[in-house]
Protein backbone atom coordinates (compact mmCIF):
# COMPACT_ATOMS: atom_id res chain seq x y z
CA UNK A 1 124.35 120.06 107.63
CA UNK A 2 124.17 118.20 110.93
CA UNK A 3 120.36 118.06 110.74
CA UNK A 4 120.53 116.60 107.21
CA UNK A 5 122.96 113.92 108.36
CA UNK A 6 120.79 113.11 111.37
CA UNK A 7 117.62 112.77 109.30
CA UNK A 8 119.45 110.75 106.65
CA UNK A 9 120.77 108.51 109.43
CA UNK A 10 117.20 107.71 110.45
CA UNK A 11 116.01 107.14 106.88
CA UNK A 12 118.96 105.21 105.39
CA UNK A 13 118.27 101.92 107.23
CA UNK A 14 114.99 101.81 105.29
CA UNK A 15 116.53 102.32 101.84
CA UNK A 16 115.57 98.84 100.66
CA UNK A 17 111.94 99.47 101.64
CA UNK A 18 112.02 102.89 99.97
CA UNK A 19 113.37 101.37 96.75
CA UNK A 20 110.69 98.66 96.76
CA UNK A 21 107.95 101.21 97.44
CA UNK A 22 109.07 103.40 94.54
CA UNK A 23 109.41 100.50 92.07
CA UNK A 24 106.09 98.91 93.09
CA UNK A 25 104.25 102.22 92.91
CA UNK A 26 105.63 102.98 89.46
CA UNK A 27 104.57 99.52 88.27
CA UNK A 28 101.05 100.16 89.60
CA UNK A 29 100.89 103.59 87.97
CA UNK A 30 102.10 102.37 84.56
CA UNK A 31 100.59 98.88 84.78
CA UNK A 32 97.47 99.84 82.84
CA UNK A 33 99.56 101.29 80.03
CA UNK A 34 101.73 98.17 79.89
CA UNK A 35 98.64 95.94 79.99
CA UNK A 36 97.02 97.94 77.16
CA UNK A 37 100.15 97.53 75.06
CA UNK A 38 100.12 93.78 75.60
CA UNK A 39 96.40 93.67 74.89
CA UNK A 40 97.00 95.33 71.52
CA UNK A 41 99.83 92.91 70.75
CA UNK A 42 97.76 89.78 71.42
CA UNK A 43 94.49 91.04 69.95
CA UNK A 44 93.11 88.48 67.53
CA UNK A 45 95.04 85.60 69.10
CA UNK A 46 93.31 82.57 70.62
CA UNK A 47 91.93 82.98 74.13
CA UNK A 48 94.45 80.59 75.66
CA UNK A 49 97.33 82.65 74.24
CA UNK A 50 95.87 85.96 75.45
CA UNK A 51 95.31 84.56 78.94
CA UNK A 52 98.78 83.02 78.99
CA UNK A 53 100.37 86.30 77.91
CA UNK A 54 98.66 88.21 80.72
CA UNK A 55 99.55 85.58 83.29
CA UNK A 56 103.18 85.70 82.14
CA UNK A 57 103.23 89.51 82.23
CA UNK A 58 101.69 89.76 85.67
CA UNK A 59 103.66 86.99 87.34
CA UNK A 60 106.99 86.96 85.58
CA UNK A 61 107.11 90.43 84.02
CA UNK A 62 106.07 92.57 86.98
CA UNK A 63 107.65 90.20 89.47
CA UNK A 64 110.97 90.16 87.63
CA UNK A 65 110.99 93.92 87.29
CA UNK A 66 110.41 94.27 91.02
CA UNK A 67 113.09 91.75 91.90
CA UNK A 68 115.70 93.17 89.52
CA UNK A 69 115.07 96.91 89.78
CA UNK A 70 114.67 97.17 93.56
CA UNK A 71 118.25 96.14 94.43
CA UNK A 72 119.61 98.36 91.67
CA UNK A 73 117.76 101.40 93.01
CA UNK A 74 118.70 100.45 96.58
CA UNK A 75 122.38 100.27 95.63
CA UNK A 76 122.24 103.60 93.83
CA UNK A 77 120.51 105.34 96.74
CA UNK A 78 123.13 104.03 99.16
CA UNK A 79 125.94 105.63 97.12
CA UNK A 80 124.53 109.14 97.53
CA UNK A 81 125.62 111.70 100.08
CA UNK A 82 123.16 112.45 102.88
CA UNK A 83 121.87 115.64 101.28
CA UNK A 84 121.44 114.12 97.83
CA UNK A 85 119.86 111.01 99.33
CA UNK A 86 117.17 112.99 101.13
CA UNK A 87 116.62 115.28 98.15
CA UNK A 88 116.29 112.38 95.71
CA UNK A 89 114.05 110.27 97.96
CA UNK A 90 111.79 113.21 98.77
CA UNK A 91 111.68 114.29 95.14
CA UNK A 92 110.98 110.75 93.96
CA UNK A 93 108.00 110.38 96.28
CA UNK A 94 106.65 113.77 95.17
CA UNK A 95 107.13 112.81 91.52
CA UNK A 96 105.41 109.45 92.07
CA UNK A 97 102.52 111.25 93.76
CA UNK A 98 102.14 113.67 90.85
CA UNK A 99 102.33 110.82 88.31
CA UNK A 100 99.74 108.82 90.24
CA UNK A 101 97.38 111.79 90.34
CA UNK A 102 97.78 112.50 86.63
CA UNK A 103 97.32 108.88 85.58
CA UNK A 104 94.40 108.45 87.99
CA UNK A 105 92.54 111.43 86.52
CA UNK A 106 92.91 110.23 82.91
């Protein structure tokens, strides 16, 4: 268990960066799906409304999600024990990698 605590001690100071990396990567992976959903919602609307909707989604929507979700994930990760922290962070990056590969090959 000492090795787990040592490794976690090196990784924990970067929890905020880890949380941001996970949130940003998930937004990139699912961004096309979200954009397609918005595109379907504004289909048939005037050009200025479609452009405005996409500007709002990209600036305020994705930005707000990043700003709000990152501290929440950071806080949650900091509450975990060393073993669970490493397991969850490692598993999350593996899961994000698998999701990225699957969505990329669609």
